[in-house]
Amino acid sequence: MKIKTSITLSEDIIEYIDSNLDQVRTRSEFIERALRVFIAQRKRDELNARDVEIINKRADDLNEEAEDVLSYQVVI
């Protein structure tokens, strides 16, 4: 379902949209596609940030374990 809304954009943005309506028919379609790409990227960024957090937490645990093991080695 589509919901009609009103937004205000800078003139240069409108000019860019109008000059790049190759694969779409309307400004609305252009803006909707651009927003879908932006939203998908934001979702990927959120997932990547969570993954990095998990990796960092596990890395700390593994580093602690490695330090513990190394503390048992005899220096020759």
PDB file of N, CA and C in Angstrom:
ATOM      1  N   MET A   1       0.843  -1.170   0.000  1.00  0.00           N
ATOM      2  CA  MET A   1       0.000   0.000   0.000  1.00  0.00           C
ATOM      3  C   MET A   1       0.891   1.237   0.000  1.00  0.00           C
ATOM      4  N   LYS A   2       0.536   2.193  -0.788  1.00  0.00           N
ATOM      5  CA  LYS A   2       1.273   3.458  -0.874  1.00  0.00           C
ATOM      6  C   LYS A   2       0.536   4.501  -0.049  1.00  0.00           C
ATOM      7  N   ILE A   3       1.327   5.357   0.595  1.00  0.00           N
ATOM      8  CA  ILE A   3       0.765   6.467   1.371  1.00  0.00           C
ATOM      9  C   ILE A   3       1.344   7.756   0.816  1.00  0.00           C
ATOM     10  N   LYS A   4       0.488   8.664   0.474  1.00  0.00           N
ATOM     11  CA  LYS A   4       0.926   9.934  -0.087  1.00  0.00           C
ATOM     12  C   LYS A   4       1.490  10.802   1.026  1.00  0.00           C
ATOM     13  N   THR A   5       2.643  11.420   0.739  1.00  0.00           N
ATOM     14  CA  THR A   5       3.271  12.316   1.701  1.00  0.00           C
ATOM     15  C   THR A   5       3.869  13.493   0.947  1.00  0.00           C
ATOM     16  N   SER A   6       4.244  14.488   1.669  1.00  0.00           N
ATOM     17  CA  SER A   6       4.841  15.666   1.057  1.00  0.00           C
ATOM     18  C   SER A   6       6.198  15.916   1.700  1.00  0.00           C
ATOM     19  N   ILE A   7       7.224  16.109   0.861  1.00  0.00           N
ATOM     20  CA  ILE A   7       8.547  16.431   1.386  1.00  0.00           C
ATOM     21  C   ILE A   7       9.095  17.633   0.640  1.00  0.00           C
ATOM     22  N   THR A   8      10.053  18.283   1.247  1.00  0.00           N
ATOM     23  CA  THR A   8      10.701  19.433   0.628  1.00  0.00           C
ATOM     24  C   THR A   8      12.152  19.061   0.373  1.00  0.00           C
ATOM     25  N   LEU A   9      12.586  19.205  -0.882  1.00  0.00           N
ATOM     26  CA  LEU A   9      13.949  18.855  -1.262  1.00  0.00           C
ATOM     27  C   LEU A   9      14.650  20.055  -1.877  1.00  0.00           C
ATOM     28  N   SER A  10      15.951  20.048  -1.784  1.00  0.00           N
ATOM     29  CA  SER A  10      16.753  21.102  -2.398  1.00  0.00           C
ATOM     30  C   SER A  10      16.633  21.034  -3.917  1.00  0.00           C
ATOM     31  N   GLU A  11      16.769  22.172  -4.539  1.00  0.00           N
ATOM     32  CA  GLU A  11      16.625  22.259  -5.993  1.00  0.00           C
ATOM     33  C   GLU A  11      17.635  21.364  -6.712  1.00  0.00           C
ATOM     34  N   ASP A  12      18.864  21.302  -6.202  1.00  0.00           N
ATOM     35  CA  ASP A  12      19.878  20.476  -6.865  1.00  0.00           C
ATOM     36  C   ASP A  12      19.523  18.993  -6.792  1.00  0.00           C
ATOM     37  N   ILE A  13      18.864  18.579  -5.726  1.00  0.00           N
ATOM     38  CA  ILE A  13      18.428  17.186  -5.611  1.00  0.00           C
ATOM     39  C   ILE A  13      17.353  16.898  -6.661  1.00  0.00           C
ATOM     40  N   ILE A  14      16.395  17.790  -6.789  1.00  0.00           N
ATOM     41  CA  ILE A  14      15.327  17.626  -7.782  1.00  0.00           C
ATOM     42  C   ILE A  14      15.916  17.589  -9.194  1.00  0.00           C
ATOM     43  N   GLU A  15      16.877  18.469  -9.463  1.00  0.00           N
ATOM     44  CA  GLU A  15      17.517  18.484 -10.785  1.00  0.00           C
ATOM     45  C   GLU A  15      18.212  17.155 -11.054  1.00  0.00           C
ATOM     46  N   TYR A  16      18.890  16.618 -10.041  1.00  0.00           N
ATOM     47  CA  TYR A  16      19.572  15.335 -10.215  1.00  0.00           C
ATOM     48  C   TYR A  16      18.564  14.223 -10.489  1.00  0.00           C
ATOM     49  N   ILE A  17      17.505  14.189  -9.703  1.00  0.00           N
ATOM     50  CA  ILE A  17      16.471  13.169  -9.898  1.00  0.00           C
ATOM     51  C   ILE A  17      15.899  13.269 -11.310  1.00  0.00           C
ATOM     52  N   ASP A  18      15.522  14.470 -11.697  1.00  0.00           N
ATOM     53  CA  ASP A  18      14.918  14.665 -13.021  1.00  0.00           C
ATOM     54  C   ASP A  18      15.848  14.249 -14.153  1.00  0.00           C
ATOM     55  N   SER A  19      17.149  14.464 -13.977  1.00  0.00           N
ATOM     56  CA  SER A  19      18.088  14.113 -15.043  1.00  0.00           C
ATOM     57  C   SER A  19      18.481  12.636 -15.005  1.00  0.00           C
ATOM     58  N   ASN A  20      18.001  11.901 -13.999  1.00  0.00           N
ATOM     59  CA  ASN A  20      18.343  10.482 -13.867  1.00  0.00           C
ATOM     60  C   ASN A  20      17.110   9.593 -13.776  1.00  0.00           C
ATOM     61  N   LEU A  21      16.075   9.954 -14.474  1.00  0.00           N
ATOM     62  CA  LEU A  21      14.847   9.169 -14.478  1.00  0.00           C
ATOM     63  C   LEU A  21      14.871   8.103 -15.573  1.00  0.00           C
ATOM     64  N   ASP A  22      16.057   7.559 -15.864  1.00  0.00           N
ATOM     65  CA  ASP A  22      16.211   6.576 -16.939  1.00  0.00           C
ATOM     66  C   ASP A  22      15.393   5.311 -16.677  1.00  0.00           C
ATOM     67  N   GLN A  23      15.574   4.720 -15.499  1.00  0.00           N
ATOM     68  CA  GLN A  23      14.981   3.419 -15.218  1.00  0.00           C
ATOM     69  C   GLN A  23      13.683   3.516 -14.424  1.00  0.00           C
ATOM     70  N   VAL A  24      13.298   4.715 -14.063  1.00  0.00           N
ATOM     71  CA  VAL A  24      12.045   4.918 -13.329  1.00  0.00           C
ATOM     72  C   VAL A  24      11.214   5.962 -14.049  1.00  0.00           C
ATOM     73  N   ARG A  25       9.931   5.980 -13.725  1.00  0.00           N
ATOM     74  CA  ARG A  25       9.038   6.897 -14.440  1.00  0.00           C
ATOM     75  C   ARG A  25       8.776   8.185 -13.680  1.00  0.00           C
ATOM     76  N   THR A  26       8.880   8.127 -12.353  1.00  0.00           N
ATOM     77  CA  THR A  26       8.487   9.291 -11.565  1.00  0.00           C
ATOM     78  C   THR A  26       9.528   9.609 -10.493  1.00  0.00           C
ATOM     79  N   ARG A  27       9.465  10.827  -9.998  1.00  0.00           N
ATOM     80  CA  ARG A  27      10.314  11.222  -8.870  1.00  0.00           C
ATOM     81  C   ARG A  27      10.038  10.330  -7.667  1.00  0.00           C
ATOM     82  N   SER A  28       8.770  10.044  -7.436  1.00  0.00           N
ATOM     83  CA  SER A  28       8.407   9.207  -6.286  1.00  0.00           C
ATOM     84  C   SER A  28       9.080   7.847  -6.356  1.00  0.00           C
ATOM     85  N   GLU A  29       9.070   7.251  -7.531  1.00  0.00           N
ATOM     86  CA  GLU A  29       9.697   5.937  -7.690  1.00  0.00           C
ATOM     87  C   GLU A  29      11.209   6.037  -7.475  1.00  0.00           C
ATOM     88  N   PHE A  30      11.829   7.085  -7.989  1.00  0.00           N
ATOM     89  CA  PHE A  30      13.260   7.300  -7.810  1.00  0.00           C
ATOM     90  C   PHE A  30      13.599   7.419  -6.323  1.00  0.00           C
ATOM     91  N   ILE A  31      12.838   8.260  -5.619  1.00  0.00           N
ATOM     92  CA  ILE A  31      13.087   8.486  -4.193  1.00  0.00           C
ATOM     93  C   ILE A  31      12.838   7.215  -3.393  1.00  0.00           C
ATOM     94  N   GLU A  32      11.782   6.485  -3.721  1.00  0.00           N
ATOM     95  CA  GLU A  32      11.496   5.243  -2.999  1.00  0.00           C
ATOM     96  C   GLU A  32      12.632   4.239  -3.177  1.00  0.00           C
ATOM     97  N   ARG A  33      13.141   4.091  -4.396  1.00  0.00           N
ATOM     98  CA  ARG A  33      14.257   3.172  -4.629  1.00  0.00           C
ATOM     99  C   ARG A  33      15.496   3.613  -3.853  1.00  0.00           C
ATOM    100  N   ALA A  34      15.775   4.903  -3.869  1.00  0.00           N
ATOM    101  CA  ALA A  34      16.943   5.418  -3.142  1.00  0.00           C
ATOM    102  C   ALA A  34      16.800   5.161  -1.647  1.00  0.00           C
ATOM    103  N   LEU A  35      15.615   5.356  -1.108  1.00  0.00           N
ATOM    104  CA  LEU A  35      15.394   5.114   0.315  1.00  0.00           C
ATOM    105  C   LEU A  35      15.499   3.637   0.659  1.00  0.00           C
ATOM    106  N   ARG A  36      15.034   2.777  -0.218  1.00  0.00           N
ATOM    107  CA  ARG A  36      15.155   1.335   0.029  1.00  0.00           C
ATOM    108  C   ARG A  36      16.627   0.913   0.088  1.00  0.00           C
ATOM    109  N   VAL A  37      17.440   1.464  -0.804  1.00  0.00           N
ATOM    110  CA  VAL A  37      18.878   1.180  -0.782  1.00  0.00           C
ATOM    111  C   VAL A  37      19.486   1.696   0.525  1.00  0.00           C
ATOM    112  N   PHE A  38      19.123   2.910   0.915  1.00  0.00           N
ATOM    113  CA  PHE A  38      19.643   3.513   2.149  1.00  0.00           C
ATOM    114  C   PHE A  38      19.246   2.678   3.368  1.00  0.00           C
ATOM    115  N   ILE A  39      17.993   2.267   3.433  1.00  0.00           N
ATOM    116  CA  ILE A  39      17.500   1.479   4.574  1.00  0.00           C
ATOM    117  C   ILE A  39      18.204   0.122   4.619  1.00  0.00           C
ATOM    118  N   ALA A  40      18.379  -0.518   3.473  1.00  0.00           N
ATOM    119  CA  ALA A  40      19.067  -1.812   3.433  1.00  0.00           C
ATOM    120  C   ALA A  40      20.500  -1.663   3.934  1.00  0.00           C
ATOM    121  N   GLN A  41      21.175  -0.588   3.551  1.00  0.00           N
ATOM    122  CA  GLN A  41      22.543  -0.351   4.007  1.00  0.00           C
ATOM    123  C   GLN A  41      22.582  -0.133   5.516  1.00  0.00           C
ATOM    124  N   ARG A  42      21.628   0.624   6.039  1.00  0.00           N
ATOM    125  CA  ARG A  42      21.564   0.843   7.496  1.00  0.00           C
ATOM    126  C   ARG A  42      21.373  -0.470   8.237  1.00  0.00           C
ATOM    127  N   LYS A  43      20.503  -1.341   7.708  1.00  0.00           N
ATOM    128  CA  LYS A  43      20.284  -2.647   8.340  1.00  0.00           C
ATOM    129  C   LYS A  43      21.560  -3.479   8.316  1.00  0.00           C
ATOM    130  N   ARG A  44      22.271  -3.463   7.165  1.00  0.00           N
ATOM    131  CA  ARG A  44      23.539  -4.200   7.073  1.00  0.00           C
ATOM    132  C   ARG A  44      24.553  -3.644   8.071  1.00  0.00           C
ATOM    133  N   ASP A  45      24.608  -2.322   8.189  1.00  0.00           N
ATOM    134  CA  ASP A  45      25.534  -1.698   9.132  1.00  0.00           C
ATOM    135  C   ASP A  45      25.231  -2.111  10.571  1.00  0.00           C
ATOM    136  N   GLU A  46      23.945  -2.185  10.923  1.00  0.00           N
ATOM    137  CA  GLU A  46      23.554  -2.612  12.272  1.00  0.00           C
ATOM    138  C   GLU A  46      23.972  -4.055  12.528  1.00  0.00           C
ATOM    139  N   LEU A  47      23.731  -4.937  11.549  1.00  0.00           N
ATOM    140  CA  LEU A  47      24.134  -6.342  11.691  1.00  0.00           C
ATOM    141  C   LEU A  47      25.654  -6.468  11.795  1.00  0.00           C
ATOM    142  N   ASN A  48      26.368  -5.718  10.971  1.00  0.00           N
ATOM    143  CA  ASN A  48      27.829  -5.759  11.017  1.00  0.00           C
ATOM    144  C   ASN A  48      28.350  -5.276  12.364  1.00  0.00           C
ATOM    145  N   ALA A  49      27.734  -4.236  12.916  1.00  0.00           N
ATOM    146  CA  ALA A  49      28.154  -3.723  14.222  1.00  0.00           C
ATOM    147  C   ALA A  49      27.935  -4.776  15.302  1.00  0.00           C
ATOM    148  N   ARG A  50      26.815  -5.493  15.244  1.00  0.00           N
ATOM    149  CA  ARG A  50      26.571  -6.572  16.207  1.00  0.00           C
ATOM    150  C   ARG A  50      27.587  -7.696  16.053  1.00  0.00           C
ATOM    151  N   ASP A  51      27.900  -8.032  14.796  1.00  0.00           N
ATOM    152  CA  ASP A  51      28.898  -9.077  14.551  1.00  0.00           C
ATOM    153  C   ASP A  51      30.265  -8.680  15.111  1.00  0.00           C
ATOM    154  N   VAL A  52      30.663  -7.448  14.895  1.00  0.00           N
ATOM    155  CA  VAL A  52      31.950  -6.969  15.406  1.00  0.00           C
ATOM    156  C   VAL A  52      31.966  -7.020  16.930  1.00  0.00           C
ATOM    157  N   GLU A  53      30.845  -6.658  17.549  1.00  0.00           N
ATOM    158  CA  GLU A  53      30.749  -6.715  19.007  1.00  0.00           C
ATOM    159  C   GLU A  53      30.940  -8.152  19.505  1.00  0.00           C
ATOM    160  N   ILE A  54      30.305  -9.102  18.845  1.00  0.00           N
ATOM    161  CA  ILE A  54      30.443 -10.516  19.224  1.00  0.00           C
ATOM    162  C   ILE A  54      31.885 -10.979  19.022  1.00  0.00           C
ATOM    163  N   ILE A  55      32.460 -10.643  17.887  1.00  0.00           N
ATOM    164  CA  ILE A  55      33.842 -11.034  17.595  1.00  0.00           C
ATOM    165  C   ILE A  55      34.789 -10.445  18.640  1.00  0.00           C
ATOM    166  N   ASN A  56      34.610  -9.178  18.954  1.00  0.00           N
ATOM    167  CA  ASN A  56      35.490  -8.535  19.935  1.00  0.00           C
ATOM    168  C   ASN A  56      35.360  -9.174  21.310  1.00  0.00           C
ATOM    169  N   LYS A  57      34.140  -9.516  21.710  1.00  0.00           N
ATOM    170  CA  LYS A  57      33.957 -10.145  23.020  1.00  0.00           C
ATOM    171  C   LYS A  57      34.642 -11.501  23.050  1.00  0.00           C
ATOM    172  N   ARG A  58      34.476 -12.285  22.028  1.00  0.00           N
ATOM    173  CA  ARG A  58      35.104 -13.609  21.980  1.00  0.00           C
ATOM    174  C   ARG A  58      36.611 -13.488  21.844  1.00  0.00           C
ATOM    175  N   ALA A  59      37.080 -12.473  21.134  1.00  0.00           N
ATOM    176  CA  ALA A  59      38.524 -12.272  20.982  1.00  0.00           C
ATOM    177  C   ALA A  59      39.154 -12.004  22.343  1.00  0.00           C
ATOM    178  N   ASP A  60      38.497 -11.201  23.167  1.00  0.00           N
ATOM    179  CA  ASP A  60      39.017 -10.922  24.510  1.00  0.00           C
ATOM    180  C   ASP A  60      39.137 -12.208  25.312  1.00  0.00           C
ATOM    181  N   ASP A  61      38.122 -13.072  25.251  1.00  0.00           N
ATOM    182  CA  ASP A  61      38.155 -14.348  25.972  1.00  0.00           C
ATOM    183  C   ASP A  61      39.303 -15.225  25.474  1.00  0.00           C
ATOM    184  N   LEU A  62      39.461 -15.312  24.159  1.00  0.00           N
ATOM    185  CA  LEU A  62      40.533 -16.136  23.598  1.00  0.00           C
ATOM    186  C   LEU A  62      41.903 -15.567  23.944  1.00  0.00           C
ATOM    187  N   ASN A  63      42.038 -14.250  23.930  1.00  0.00           N
ATOM    188  CA  ASN A  63      43.312 -13.631  24.293  1.00  0.00           C
ATOM    189  C   ASN A  63      43.661 -13.920  25.747  1.00  0.00           C
ATOM    190  N   GLU A  64      42.674 -13.870  26.630  1.00  0.00           N
ATOM    191  CA  GLU A  64      42.913 -14.184  28.042  1.00  0.00           C
ATOM    192  C   GLU A  64      43.370 -15.634  28.197  1.00  0.00           C
ATOM    193  N   GLU A  65      42.725 -16.537  27.473  1.00  0.00           N
ATOM    194  CA  GLU A  65      43.100 -17.948  27.544  1.00  0.00           C
ATOM    195  C   GLU A  65      44.517 -18.154  27.020  1.00  0.00           C
ATOM    196  N   ALA A  66      44.868 -17.493  25.920  1.00  0.00           N
ATOM    197  CA  ALA A  66      46.211 -17.615  25.352  1.00  0.00           C
ATOM    198  C   ALA A  66      47.256 -17.083  26.337  1.00  0.00           C
ATOM    199  N   GLU A  67      46.981 -15.959  26.973  1.00  0.00           N
ATOM    200  CA  GLU A  67      47.911 -15.412  27.961  1.00  0.00           C
ATOM    201  C   GLU A  67      48.103 -16.377  29.120  1.00  0.00           C
ATOM    202  N   ASP A  68      47.021 -17.027  29.543  1.00  0.00           N
ATOM    203  CA  ASP A  68      47.107 -17.997  30.632  1.00  0.00           C
ATOM    204  C   ASP A  68      48.000 -19.171  30.232  1.00  0.00           C
ATOM    205  N   VAL A  69      47.809 -19.692  29.034  1.00  0.00           N
ATOM    206  CA  VAL A  69      48.617 -20.812  28.550  1.00  0.00           C
ATOM    207  C   VAL A  69      50.076 -20.395  28.450  1.00  0.00           C
ATOM    208  N   LEU A  70      50.323 -19.218  27.938  1.00  0.00           N
ATOM    209  CA  LEU A  70      51.703 -18.751  27.779  1.00  0.00           C
ATOM    210  C   LEU A  70      52.398 -18.562  29.130  1.00  0.00           C
ATOM    211  N   SER A  71      51.634 -18.284  30.159  1.00  0.00           N
ATOM    212  CA  SER A  71      52.237 -18.069  31.478  1.00  0.00           C
ATOM    213  C   SER A  71      52.831 -19.361  32.046  1.00  0.00           C
ATOM    214  N   TYR A  72      52.427 -20.511  31.514  1.00  0.00           N
ATOM    215  CA  TYR A  72      52.945 -21.806  31.982  1.00  0.00           C
ATOM    216  C   TYR A  72      54.224 -22.202  31.229  1.00  0.00           C
ATOM    217  N   GLN A  73      54.571 -21.498  30.169  1.00  0.00           N
ATOM    218  CA  GLN A  73      55.766 -21.862  29.402  1.00  0.00           C
ATOM    219  C   GLN A  73      57.027 -21.472  30.170  1.00  0.00           C
ATOM    220  N   VAL A  74      58.037 -22.294  30.000  1.00  0.00           N
ATOM    221  CA  VAL A  74      59.321 -22.050  30.647  1.00  0.00           C
ATOM    222  C   VAL A  74      60.206 -21.298  29.657  1.00  0.00           C
ATOM    223  N   VAL A  75      60.828 -20.228  30.114  1.00  0.00           N
ATOM    224  CA  VAL A  75      61.748 -19.463  29.276  1.00  0.00           C
ATOM    225  C   VAL A  75      63.082 -20.183  29.283  1.00  0.00           C
ATOM    226  N   ILE A  76      63.631 -20.450  28.116  1.00  0.00           N
ATOM    227  CA  ILE A  76      64.912 -21.175  28.018  1.00  0.00           C
ATOM    228  C   ILE A  76      66.033 -20.194  27.862  1.00  0.00           C
TER     229      ILE A  76
END
